[in-house]
């Protein structure tokens, strides 16, 4: 499920290229490059599963607060055999996509194991609106802890009403919902028997420069010169942004919606991050199978981008960088780039459910400021981009939600203290990750114990193992899916 731009503004969120693996089924906060906050409605995203609604408490941690709201969920009973397990797909930072009730590796497992399949949309995303608007005061009810409590209550009530209390429940999720899947098993072991935590960044960190380091390595895996050329182009652009005489040409080169104006470091950082986002996004989802969800642009791969960057007929590396931007604009039917940071602030501070960032942007960035950090800064020398340091990103927390840099750091420390970070201790959780995916740097890529195994898949991207299988899948991806199935089979005995 992608957030795409169909009109002029390009509300890209922070440097948080989180994605729910495209798991539209599971939401996704991929607000980078040309993906906006609107959900793509692909032809195969029509209702393949009936929308159902579950009454949920607004605040699970305050018994004196009796307010409730309706949370959206979906059911697939096609494979269920009496006595079989229950599979619960966890929603994430975007609308839940019912396409996942029809396709996906988890359904292959469900068919073999006779499982009932449920998918619960995350509070504050999609149609699951717990509050009247997205004011900062209301967003205090948006957290991973409240989301886990939603899952726990949903599991308890569904168990009672459907006679599934004594069934073995397995949680599935990718990206942020992958973390939730692991933490659900960690915090509610009496309710969930096992978890598949795909591409799960379990370690929270304010500064995440390693993301762009993996981008360098992933580009270099296609062509050693590719990230070097990207760096030359980025450095040239940074240099030109210091000279107002170049602004008219930059406006034309990158087809900006209005004449370039740089009035602060935030303006230049926003432009630089937006253009870097084209590469970050493609690397994160390289050659995956999101197409079944109706996602546009899956044909643009690392090979394609490096092909453009290596094409000397296009001019110098800067000209090739601009050609990549035009390619992405054409791919996503974007007429021009809105690189106005003030427009971005305007959209991100719109608290209406009808606002341009209500598809997930305002909510997800709030979660990064109040829980996770994950800011993909250019603070490492071992990556191809320049100009969007940590300070630029943390300042947005203050601008959008009045959360200070000190409060962000404290929140991130509390998150690791609460969940354990890399030191998570539980059982029956498998952690699949792909080597191309920059998020693997915050995940579990080696077995912690026999009961907490890792599946590290060379050459694959974010959440690749969750997608439906196809003939061109790498052998190691097919083997990973099979291995996950064998673990589930063993754990469900």
Protein backbone atom coordinates (compact mmCIF):
# COMPACT_ATOMS: atom_id res chain seq x y z
CA UNK A 1 0.00 0.00 0.00
CA UNK A 2 1.63 3.10 -1.05
CA UNK A 3 1.06 6.71 -0.25
CA UNK A 4 1.13 8.43 -3.58
CA UNK A 5 1.07 11.94 -4.84
CA UNK A 6 -1.50 12.67 -7.45
CA UNK A 7 -1.35 16.45 -7.25
CA UNK A 8 1.21 19.15 -6.57
CA UNK A 9 2.09 19.03 -2.90
CA UNK A 10 4.50 16.29 -1.98
CA UNK A 11 3.98 15.82 1.73
CA UNK A 12 6.96 13.69 2.48
CA UNK A 13 7.40 12.89 6.09
CA UNK A 14 10.58 13.55 7.91
CA UNK A 15 13.28 11.14 7.09
CA UNK A 16 11.12 8.35 8.21
CA UNK A 17 10.94 6.02 5.30
CA UNK A 18 9.28 3.40 7.37
CA UNK A 19 7.13 1.24 5.38
CA UNK A 20 4.99 -1.29 6.23
CA UNK A 21 6.58 -3.37 3.71
CA UNK A 22 4.09 -2.08 1.50
CA UNK A 23 1.96 -4.06 3.79
CA UNK A 24 -0.94 -2.10 2.98
CA UNK A 25 -2.53 -4.75 4.88
CA UNK A 26 -0.59 -3.54 7.60
CA UNK A 27 -0.29 -0.02 6.92
CA UNK A 28 2.85 1.79 6.19
CA UNK A 29 4.44 5.11 6.76
CA UNK A 30 6.37 5.45 3.61
CA UNK A 31 6.24 9.16 3.10
CA UNK A 32 9.27 9.59 1.00
CA UNK A 33 10.05 10.38 -2.54
CA UNK A 34 6.84 10.62 -4.48
CA UNK A 35 4.65 8.76 -2.05
CA UNK A 36 2.26 11.00 -0.24
CA UNK A 37 -0.33 10.34 2.41
CA UNK A 38 -3.08 9.16 0.11
CA UNK A 39 -3.63 5.46 -0.35
CA UNK A 40 -3.48 4.08 -3.82
CA UNK A 41 -6.70 2.41 -4.77
CA UNK A 42 -5.52 -0.31 -7.11
CA UNK A 43 -8.04 -2.34 -9.03
CA UNK A 44 -7.35 -5.33 -6.82
CA UNK A 45 -7.78 -3.37 -3.60
CA UNK A 46 -11.54 -3.53 -3.82
CA UNK A 47 -13.33 -5.03 -0.91
CA UNK A 48 -12.27 -8.65 -0.96
CA UNK A 49 -13.27 -8.98 2.65
CA UNK A 50 -16.13 -7.42 4.58
CA UNK A 51 -15.31 -4.54 6.92
CA UNK A 52 -16.18 -5.40 10.50
CA UNK A 53 -16.03 -3.20 13.60
CA UNK A 54 -14.86 -3.91 17.13
CA UNK A 55 -15.63 -1.79 20.19
CA UNK A 56 -12.36 -0.73 21.78
CA UNK A 57 -11.44 1.37 24.82
CA UNK A 58 -9.83 4.73 24.13
CA UNK A 59 -7.40 4.46 27.04
CA UNK A 60 -6.57 0.94 28.23
CA UNK A 61 -4.45 2.26 31.09
CA UNK A 62 -7.02 4.44 32.82
CA UNK A 63 -9.90 2.52 34.37
CA UNK A 64 -11.72 5.77 35.09
CA UNK A 65 -11.91 6.60 31.38
CA UNK A 66 -14.88 4.77 29.88
CA UNK A 67 -14.72 6.24 26.38
CA UNK A 68 -14.86 3.76 23.49
CA UNK A 69 -14.51 3.82 19.69
CA UNK A 70 -14.89 1.46 16.73
CA UNK A 71 -11.84 -0.34 15.32
CA UNK A 72 -11.90 -1.88 11.84
CA UNK A 73 -11.02 -5.53 11.26
CA UNK A 74 -11.32 -8.24 8.62
CA UNK A 75 -11.88 -12.00 8.71
CA UNK A 76 -11.00 -14.85 6.32
CA UNK A 77 -12.50 -18.16 7.36
CA UNK A 78 -11.78 -19.98 4.09
CA UNK A 79 -9.02 -22.18 5.49
CA UNK A 80 -10.21 -22.68 9.05
CA UNK A 81 -10.54 -26.20 10.31
CA UNK A 82 -12.11 -26.76 13.74
CA UNK A 83 -9.36 -26.90 16.33
CA UNK A 84 -6.96 -25.03 14.06
CA UNK A 85 -4.88 -22.01 15.05
CA UNK A 86 -5.83 -18.34 14.70
CA UNK A 87 -3.60 -16.06 12.64
CA UNK A 88 -3.73 -12.36 13.49
CA UNK A 89 -2.24 -9.86 11.02
CA UNK A 90 -1.36 -6.64 12.82
CA UNK A 91 -2.09 -3.32 11.16
CA UNK A 92 0.45 -0.54 11.10
CA UNK A 93 1.06 3.05 10.12
CA UNK A 94 -1.46 3.28 7.30
CA UNK A 95 -4.85 1.94 6.25
CA UNK A 96 -5.33 -1.82 6.48
CA UNK A 97 -5.56 -3.24 2.97
CA UNK A 98 -8.10 -6.06 2.54
CA UNK A 99 -6.02 -7.37 -0.38
CA UNK A 100 -4.00 -9.13 2.32
CA UNK A 101 -7.07 -11.18 3.20
CA UNK A 102 -6.83 -12.70 -0.27
CA UNK A 103 -3.08 -13.05 -0.91
CA UNK A 104 0.17 -13.29 1.00
CA UNK A 105 2.52 -15.90 2.44
CA UNK A 106 0.56 -15.98 5.70
CA UNK A 107 -2.49 -17.30 3.81
CA UNK A 108 -0.37 -20.08 2.31
CA UNK A 109 0.55 -21.06 5.85
CA UNK A 110 -3.08 -20.74 6.94
CA UNK A 111 -4.25 -23.10 4.21
CA UNK A 112 -1.70 -25.74 5.22
CA UNK A 113 -2.39 -25.36 8.95
CA UNK A 114 -6.16 -24.84 8.89
CA UNK A 115 -6.00 -21.38 10.44
CA UNK A 116 -8.66 -18.71 10.87
CA UNK A 117 -7.26 -15.38 9.65
CA UNK A 118 -7.98 -11.98 11.21
CA UNK A 119 -6.52 -8.56 10.48
CA UNK A 120 -6.88 -5.64 12.91
CA UNK A 121 -6.30 -2.07 11.75
CA UNK A 122 -4.05 0.06 13.99
CA UNK A 123 -5.71 2.81 16.01
CA UNK A 124 -5.53 6.26 14.36
CA UNK A 125 -4.85 4.83 10.89
CA UNK A 126 -7.17 4.02 8.01
CA UNK A 127 -10.79 4.17 9.14
CA UNK A 128 -10.00 3.43 12.81
CA UNK A 129 -10.57 6.89 14.29
CA UNK A 130 -10.58 6.88 18.11
CA UNK A 131 -10.88 10.66 18.43
CA UNK A 132 -12.61 13.56 16.69
CA UNK A 133 -9.37 14.86 15.17
CA UNK A 134 -5.59 14.49 15.14
CA UNK A 135 -4.77 17.24 17.63
CA UNK A 136 -1.61 16.69 19.63
CA UNK A 137 -3.77 16.34 22.73
CA UNK A 138 -5.64 13.45 21.10
CA UNK A 139 -2.50 11.85 19.69
CA UNK A 140 -1.41 11.03 23.24
CA UNK A 141 -3.70 8.00 22.83
CA UNK A 142 -1.56 6.83 19.88
CA UNK A 143 1.26 4.56 21.01
CA UNK A 144 2.60 1.05 20.54
CA UNK A 145 1.51 0.26 24.11
CA UNK A 146 -2.10 1.26 23.45
CA UNK A 147 -1.94 -0.68 20.15
CA UNK A 148 -0.76 -3.81 21.96
CA UNK A 149 -3.55 -3.40 24.49
CA UNK A 150 -6.00 -3.11 21.56
CA UNK A 151 -4.64 -6.41 20.25
CA UNK A 152 -4.92 -8.04 23.66
CA UNK A 153 -8.53 -6.95 24.17
CA UNK A 154 -9.45 -7.92 20.60
CA UNK A 155 -7.88 -11.35 21.06
CA UNK A 156 -9.67 -11.87 24.40
CA UNK A 157 -13.12 -10.87 23.19
CA UNK A 158 -12.84 -12.65 19.82
CA UNK A 159 -11.66 -15.73 21.66
CA UNK A 160 -14.73 -15.66 23.90
CA UNK A 161 -17.33 -14.78 21.25
CA UNK A 162 -16.03 -17.15 18.57
CA UNK A 163 -15.03 -20.01 20.84
CA UNK A 164 -11.35 -19.51 20.09
CA UNK A 165 -10.02 -18.87 23.58
CA UNK A 166 -8.12 -22.15 23.73
CA UNK A 167 -6.83 -22.03 20.17
CA UNK A 168 -3.19 -21.19 19.52
CA UNK A 169 -2.92 -17.61 18.22
CA UNK A 170 -0.04 -16.51 15.98
CA UNK A 171 0.72 -12.83 15.36
CA UNK A 172 2.06 -11.62 12.00
CA UNK A 173 3.41 -8.21 11.06
CA UNK A 174 5.98 -6.47 8.90
CA UNK A 175 8.07 -3.39 9.65
CA UNK A 176 6.55 -1.49 12.60
CA UNK A 177 3.77 -4.13 12.86
CA UNK A 178 6.57 -6.69 12.85
CA UNK A 179 7.88 -5.05 16.01
CA UNK A 180 4.34 -5.12 17.41
CA UNK A 181 4.11 -8.84 16.61
CA UNK A 182 7.29 -9.50 18.60
CA UNK A 183 6.22 -7.23 21.45
CA UNK A 184 2.73 -8.77 21.59
CA UNK A 185 4.29 -12.15 22.27
CA UNK A 186 6.72 -10.51 24.73
CA UNK A 187 4.13 -8.57 26.74
CA UNK A 188 1.07 -10.85 26.43
CA UNK A 189 2.54 -14.38 26.31
CA UNK A 190 -0.68 -15.85 27.72
CA UNK A 191 -2.63 -14.54 24.71
CA UNK A 192 -0.34 -15.16 21.74
CA UNK A 193 1.45 -18.46 21.21
CA UNK A 194 3.97 -17.42 18.53
CA UNK A 195 4.90 -14.50 16.29
CA UNK A 196 6.39 -13.87 12.86
CA UNK A 197 8.10 -10.47 13.18
CA UNK A 198 9.20 -9.58 9.65
CA UNK A 199 11.63 -6.69 9.01
CA UNK A 200 10.97 -5.55 12.56
CA UNK A 201 13.10 -2.64 13.89
CA UNK A 202 13.05 -3.68 17.53
CA UNK A 203 15.73 -1.22 18.63
CA UNK A 204 14.61 2.40 18.91
CA UNK A 205 17.19 5.10 18.22
CA UNK A 206 16.95 8.84 17.75
CA UNK A 207 19.66 8.98 15.08
CA UNK A 208 19.64 6.26 12.43
CA UNK A 209 22.43 7.15 9.95
CA UNK A 210 23.01 3.43 9.37
CA UNK A 211 19.95 3.45 7.13
CA UNK A 212 21.78 5.45 4.47
CA UNK A 213 24.92 3.35 4.95
CA UNK A 214 22.89 0.31 3.88
CA UNK A 215 21.54 2.33 0.95
CA UNK A 216 25.17 2.88 -0.17
CA UNK A 217 25.96 -0.84 0.09
CA UNK A 218 22.74 -1.85 -1.65
CA UNK A 219 23.41 0.49 -4.58
CA UNK A 220 27.03 -0.73 -4.73
CA UNK A 221 25.83 -4.34 -4.88
CA UNK A 222 24.42 -3.48 -8.32
CA UNK A 223 27.30 -1.28 -9.49
CA UNK A 224 30.26 -0.15 -7.38
CA UNK A 225 30.26 3.24 -9.11
CA UNK A 226 26.56 3.88 -8.54
CA UNK A 227 26.65 5.32 -4.98
CA UNK A 228 29.83 7.25 -5.86
CA UNK A 229 27.97 8.96 -8.72
CA UNK A 230 24.98 9.63 -6.45
CA UNK A 231 27.32 11.24 -3.92
CA UNK A 232 28.92 13.44 -6.59
CA UNK A 233 25.47 14.56 -7.74
CA UNK A 234 24.26 15.24 -4.22
CA UNK A 235 27.41 17.18 -3.36
CA UNK A 236 27.03 19.28 -6.52
CA UNK A 237 23.43 20.09 -5.63
CA UNK A 238 24.43 21.08 -2.08
CA UNK A 239 27.09 23.38 -3.51
CA UNK A 240 24.64 25.02 -5.92
CA UNK A 241 22.07 25.58 -3.18
CA UNK A 242 24.56 27.99 -1.60
CA UNK A 243 24.41 30.28 -4.65
CA UNK A 244 21.04 31.96 -5.36
CA UNK A 245 22.13 32.46 -8.97
CA UNK A 246 21.68 28.71 -9.54
CA UNK A 247 18.11 28.58 -8.17
CA UNK A 248 16.42 29.23 -11.50
CA UNK A 249 18.26 26.34 -13.12
CA UNK A 250 17.57 24.02 -10.16
CA UNK A 251 13.87 24.91 -10.43
CA UNK A 252 13.90 23.82 -14.09
CA UNK A 253 16.19 20.80 -13.61
CA UNK A 254 13.94 19.23 -10.99
CA UNK A 255 10.64 20.62 -12.30
CA UNK A 256 9.75 22.40 -9.05
CA UNK A 257 6.21 23.73 -8.67
CA UNK A 258 7.40 27.23 -7.76
CA UNK A 259 10.69 29.13 -8.02
CA UNK A 260 13.18 27.73 -5.52
CA UNK A 261 13.60 29.80 -2.36
CA UNK A 262 16.05 28.88 0.38
CA UNK A 263 15.34 30.98 3.44
CA UNK A 264 16.66 28.56 6.05
CA UNK A 265 18.56 25.31 6.44
CA UNK A 266 15.18 23.60 6.82
CA UNK A 267 14.27 24.59 3.25
CA UNK A 268 17.41 23.13 1.71
CA UNK A 269 17.29 20.02 3.93
CA UNK A 270 13.70 19.34 2.87
CA UNK A 271 14.59 19.51 -0.83
CA UNK A 272 17.71 17.37 -0.40
CA UNK A 273 15.89 14.77 1.64
CA UNK A 274 13.03 14.61 -0.83
CA UNK A 275 15.37 13.90 -3.75
CA UNK A 276 17.41 11.38 -1.74
CA UNK A 277 14.12 9.71 -0.89
CA UNK A 278 13.80 8.47 -4.47
CA UNK A 279 16.84 6.25 -3.94
CA UNK A 280 15.92 5.32 -0.36
CA UNK A 281 12.46 4.17 -1.36
CA UNK A 282 13.61 2.11 -4.33
CA UNK A 283 16.32 0.40 -2.26
CA UNK A 284 13.95 -0.40 0.58
CA UNK A 285 11.44 -2.09 -1.71
CA UNK A 286 13.77 -3.33 -4.45
CA UNK A 287 12.25 -6.05 -6.63
CA UNK A 288 9.57 -6.98 -4.12
CA UNK A 289 6.10 -8.17 -4.99
CA UNK A 290 3.99 -5.23 -3.81
CA UNK A 291 2.37 -5.08 -7.22
CA UNK A 292 -0.42 -7.42 -6.13
CA UNK A 293 -1.69 -4.62 -3.85
CA UNK A 294 -2.04 -2.19 -6.72
CA UNK A 295 1.19 -0.38 -5.90
CA UNK A 296 2.69 1.72 -8.69
CA UNK A 297 6.39 1.91 -9.44
CA UNK A 298 7.59 -1.58 -8.57
CA UNK A 299 9.27 -1.65 -12.00
CA UNK A 300 11.72 1.03 -10.83
CA UNK A 301 14.52 -0.96 -9.21
CA UNK A 302 18.10 -0.41 -8.02
CA UNK A 303 19.21 -1.66 -11.45
CA UNK A 304 17.06 0.99 -13.16
CA UNK A 305 18.33 3.86 -10.97
CA UNK A 306 21.96 2.83 -11.30
CA UNK A 307 21.43 2.52 -15.05
CA UNK A 308 20.36 6.17 -15.18
CA UNK A 309 23.21 7.27 -12.91
CA UNK A 310 25.72 5.45 -15.16
CA UNK A 311 24.40 6.91 -18.42
CA UNK A 312 27.03 9.46 -19.49
CA UNK A 313 24.86 10.54 -22.43
CA UNK A 314 22.60 12.31 -19.93
CA UNK A 315 25.39 14.63 -18.81
CA UNK A 316 27.31 14.90 -15.55
CA UNK A 317 26.20 13.07 -12.35
CA UNK A 318 24.07 16.07 -11.31
CA UNK A 319 22.15 15.91 -14.62
CA UNK A 320 21.63 12.17 -14.14
CA UNK A 321 20.34 12.78 -10.60
CA UNK A 322 17.80 15.19 -12.08
CA UNK A 323 16.90 12.53 -14.66
CA UNK A 324 16.14 10.09 -11.82
CA UNK A 325 13.82 12.68 -10.27
CA UNK A 326 12.01 13.15 -13.58
CA UNK A 327 11.72 9.37 -14.01
CA UNK A 328 10.11 9.07 -10.59
CA UNK A 329 7.75 11.96 -11.29
CA UNK A 330 6.67 10.32 -14.52
CA UNK A 331 6.25 6.94 -12.80
CA UNK A 332 4.00 8.39 -10.13
CA UNK A 333 2.17 10.86 -12.39
CA UNK A 334 3.49 13.89 -10.51
CA UNK A 335 3.32 17.12 -12.51
CA UNK A 336 5.82 19.07 -10.43
CA UNK A 337 7.65 18.89 -7.10
CA UNK A 338 6.43 20.99 -4.21
CA UNK A 339 9.64 21.53 -2.26
CA UNK A 340 8.22 24.20 0.03
CA UNK A 341 9.04 23.33 3.62
CA UNK A 342 6.40 25.81 4.83
CA UNK A 343 3.75 23.93 2.82
CA UNK A 344 4.95 20.71 4.41
CA UNK A 345 4.60 22.23 7.89
CA UNK A 346 1.14 23.50 6.97
CA UNK A 347 0.02 20.03 5.88
CA UNK A 348 1.60 18.23 8.81
CA UNK A 349 -0.02 20.55 11.37
CA UNK A 350 -3.49 20.15 9.84
CA UNK A 351 -5.30 18.14 12.53
CA UNK A 352 -8.41 17.26 10.52
CA UNK A 353 -9.16 13.68 9.53
CA UNK A 354 -9.60 15.13 6.04
CA UNK A 355 -6.17 16.81 6.12
CA UNK A 356 -3.42 16.01 3.58
CA UNK A 357 -1.33 14.16 6.18
CA UNK A 358 -4.19 12.23 7.81
CA UNK A 359 -3.51 9.12 5.72
CA UNK A 360 -0.72 8.33 8.16
CA UNK A 361 1.91 11.07 7.97
CA UNK A 362 0.91 13.19 10.94
CA UNK A 363 0.29 10.10 13.06
CA UNK A 364 3.47 8.21 12.20
CA UNK A 365 5.79 11.15 12.66
CA UNK A 366 4.14 11.68 16.06
CA UNK A 367 5.06 8.10 16.95
CA UNK A 368 8.65 8.68 15.90
CA UNK A 369 8.80 11.80 18.09
CA UNK A 370 7.08 10.18 21.07
CA UNK A 371 8.49 6.63 20.94
CA UNK A 372 10.97 5.57 18.28
CA UNK A 373 13.13 8.23 16.64
CA UNK A 374 14.36 6.31 13.56
CA UNK A 375 15.61 9.51 11.89
CA UNK A 376 17.55 8.63 8.75
CA UNK A 377 20.10 11.41 8.88
CA UNK A 378 23.14 12.17 6.74
CA UNK A 379 25.34 12.22 9.84
CA UNK A 380 27.54 9.35 8.64
CA UNK A 381 30.37 9.88 6.12
CA UNK A 382 29.75 6.38 4.71
CA UNK A 383 26.64 7.19 2.69
CA UNK A 384 25.83 9.05 -0.52
CA UNK A 385 23.80 12.09 0.56
CA UNK A 386 24.29 15.42 2.30
CA UNK A 387 22.27 18.14 3.93
CA UNK A 388 19.61 16.60 6.16
CA UNK A 389 21.26 16.10 9.56
CA UNK A 390 19.56 14.88 12.71
CA UNK A 391 18.86 18.41 13.91
CA UNK A 392 16.65 19.12 10.88
CA UNK A 393 14.48 16.14 11.67
CA UNK A 394 14.19 16.52 15.42
CA UNK A 395 13.19 20.18 15.00
CA UNK A 396 10.07 18.94 13.24
CA UNK A 397 8.93 17.24 16.46
CA UNK A 398 8.87 20.66 18.11
CA UNK A 399 7.19 22.32 15.12
CA UNK A 400 4.45 19.73 14.73
CA UNK A 401 3.77 18.55 18.31
CA UNK A 402 5.77 20.77 20.67
CA UNK A 403 8.02 17.81 21.59
CA UNK A 404 11.60 18.89 22.36
CA UNK A 405 14.79 17.10 21.33
CA UNK A 406 15.36 16.14 24.96
CA UNK A 407 11.86 14.66 25.17
CA UNK A 408 12.44 12.65 21.99
CA UNK A 409 15.64 11.18 23.44
CA UNK A 410 13.93 10.33 26.73
CA UNK A 411 10.99 8.68 24.92
CA UNK A 412 13.33 6.53 22.82
CA UNK A 413 15.24 5.41 25.93
CA UNK A 414 11.95 4.46 27.61
CA UNK A 415 10.91 2.42 24.57
CA UNK A 416 14.08 0.32 24.70
CA UNK A 417 13.76 -0.04 28.45
CA UNK A 418 10.17 -1.26 28.07
CA UNK A 419 10.65 -3.71 25.19
CA UNK A 420 14.34 -4.63 25.54
CA UNK A 421 15.62 -3.47 22.16
CA UNK A 422 18.09 -5.98 20.74
CA UNK A 423 18.02 -7.80 24.09
CA UNK A 424 14.42 -8.97 23.73
CA UNK A 425 13.82 -12.16 25.70
CA UNK A 426 10.86 -14.37 24.91
CA UNK A 427 10.18 -17.53 22.90
CA UNK A 428 8.55 -18.65 19.65
CA UNK A 429 9.27 -15.45 17.72
CA UNK A 430 10.96 -15.64 14.32
CA UNK A 431 12.68 -12.53 12.91
CA UNK A 432 12.98 -12.53 9.09
CA UNK A 433 15.02 -9.68 7.52
CA UNK A 434 16.42 -8.90 4.08
CA UNK A 435 20.02 -7.82 3.49
CA UNK A 436 19.07 -5.10 0.96
CA UNK A 437 16.56 -3.56 3.38
CA UNK A 438 18.11 -0.67 5.36
CA UNK A 439 15.82 -1.44 8.31
CA UNK A 440 17.64 -4.68 9.04
CA UNK A 441 20.23 -2.56 10.89
CA UNK A 442 17.71 -2.16 13.74
CA UNK A 443 16.47 -5.74 13.64
CA UNK A 444 17.46 -9.21 14.81
CA UNK A 445 19.64 -10.80 12.14
CA UNK A 446 21.24 -13.59 14.18
CA UNK A 447 19.56 -16.18 16.40
CA UNK A 448 19.19 -14.99 19.98
CA UNK A 449 18.22 -18.49 21.14
CA UNK A 450 16.78 -21.56 19.43
CA UNK A 451 13.35 -20.20 20.41
CA UNK A 452 14.14 -16.73 19.01
CA UNK A 453 15.55 -17.52 15.56
CA UNK A 454 16.53 -15.05 12.87
CA UNK A 455 16.07 -15.61 9.14
CA UNK A 456 18.46 -13.30 7.27
CA UNK A 457 17.69 -13.37 3.55
CA UNK A 458 20.53 -12.26 1.29
CA UNK A 459 19.52 -10.04 -1.60
CA UNK A 460 15.95 -9.29 -0.53
CA UNK A 461 14.22 -6.09 0.53
CA UNK A 462 11.78 -4.91 3.18
CA UNK A 463 9.20 -7.58 4.16
CA UNK A 464 9.89 -9.61 1.01
CA UNK A 465 8.95 -12.90 2.67
CA UNK A 466 5.42 -11.69 3.41
CA UNK A 467 4.40 -11.23 -0.23
CA UNK A 468 2.83 -13.91 -2.41
CA UNK A 469 5.41 -16.22 -3.99
CA UNK A 470 6.26 -15.81 -7.67
CA UNK A 471 8.47 -17.61 -10.16
CA UNK A 472 11.26 -15.00 -10.16
CA UNK A 473 11.77 -15.12 -6.39
CA UNK A 474 15.34 -15.77 -5.31
CA UNK A 475 15.90 -19.36 -4.11
CA UNK A 476 16.88 -18.09 -0.67
CA UNK A 477 13.57 -16.19 -0.40
CA UNK A 478 11.60 -19.34 -1.18
CA UNK A 479 13.72 -21.24 1.35
CA UNK A 480 13.05 -18.57 3.98
CA UNK A 481 9.28 -18.87 3.53
CA UNK A 482 9.57 -22.65 3.83
CA UNK A 483 11.70 -22.34 6.94
CA UNK A 484 9.15 -20.02 8.58
CA UNK A 485 6.43 -22.52 7.79
CA UNK A 486 8.42 -25.36 9.39
CA UNK A 487 8.89 -23.26 12.52
CA UNK A 488 5.15 -22.55 12.71
CA UNK A 489 4.40 -26.24 12.17
CA UNK A 490 6.76 -27.14 14.99
CA UNK A 491 5.46 -24.45 17.37
CA UNK A 492 1.81 -25.34 16.72
CA UNK A 493 2.19 -29.05 17.48
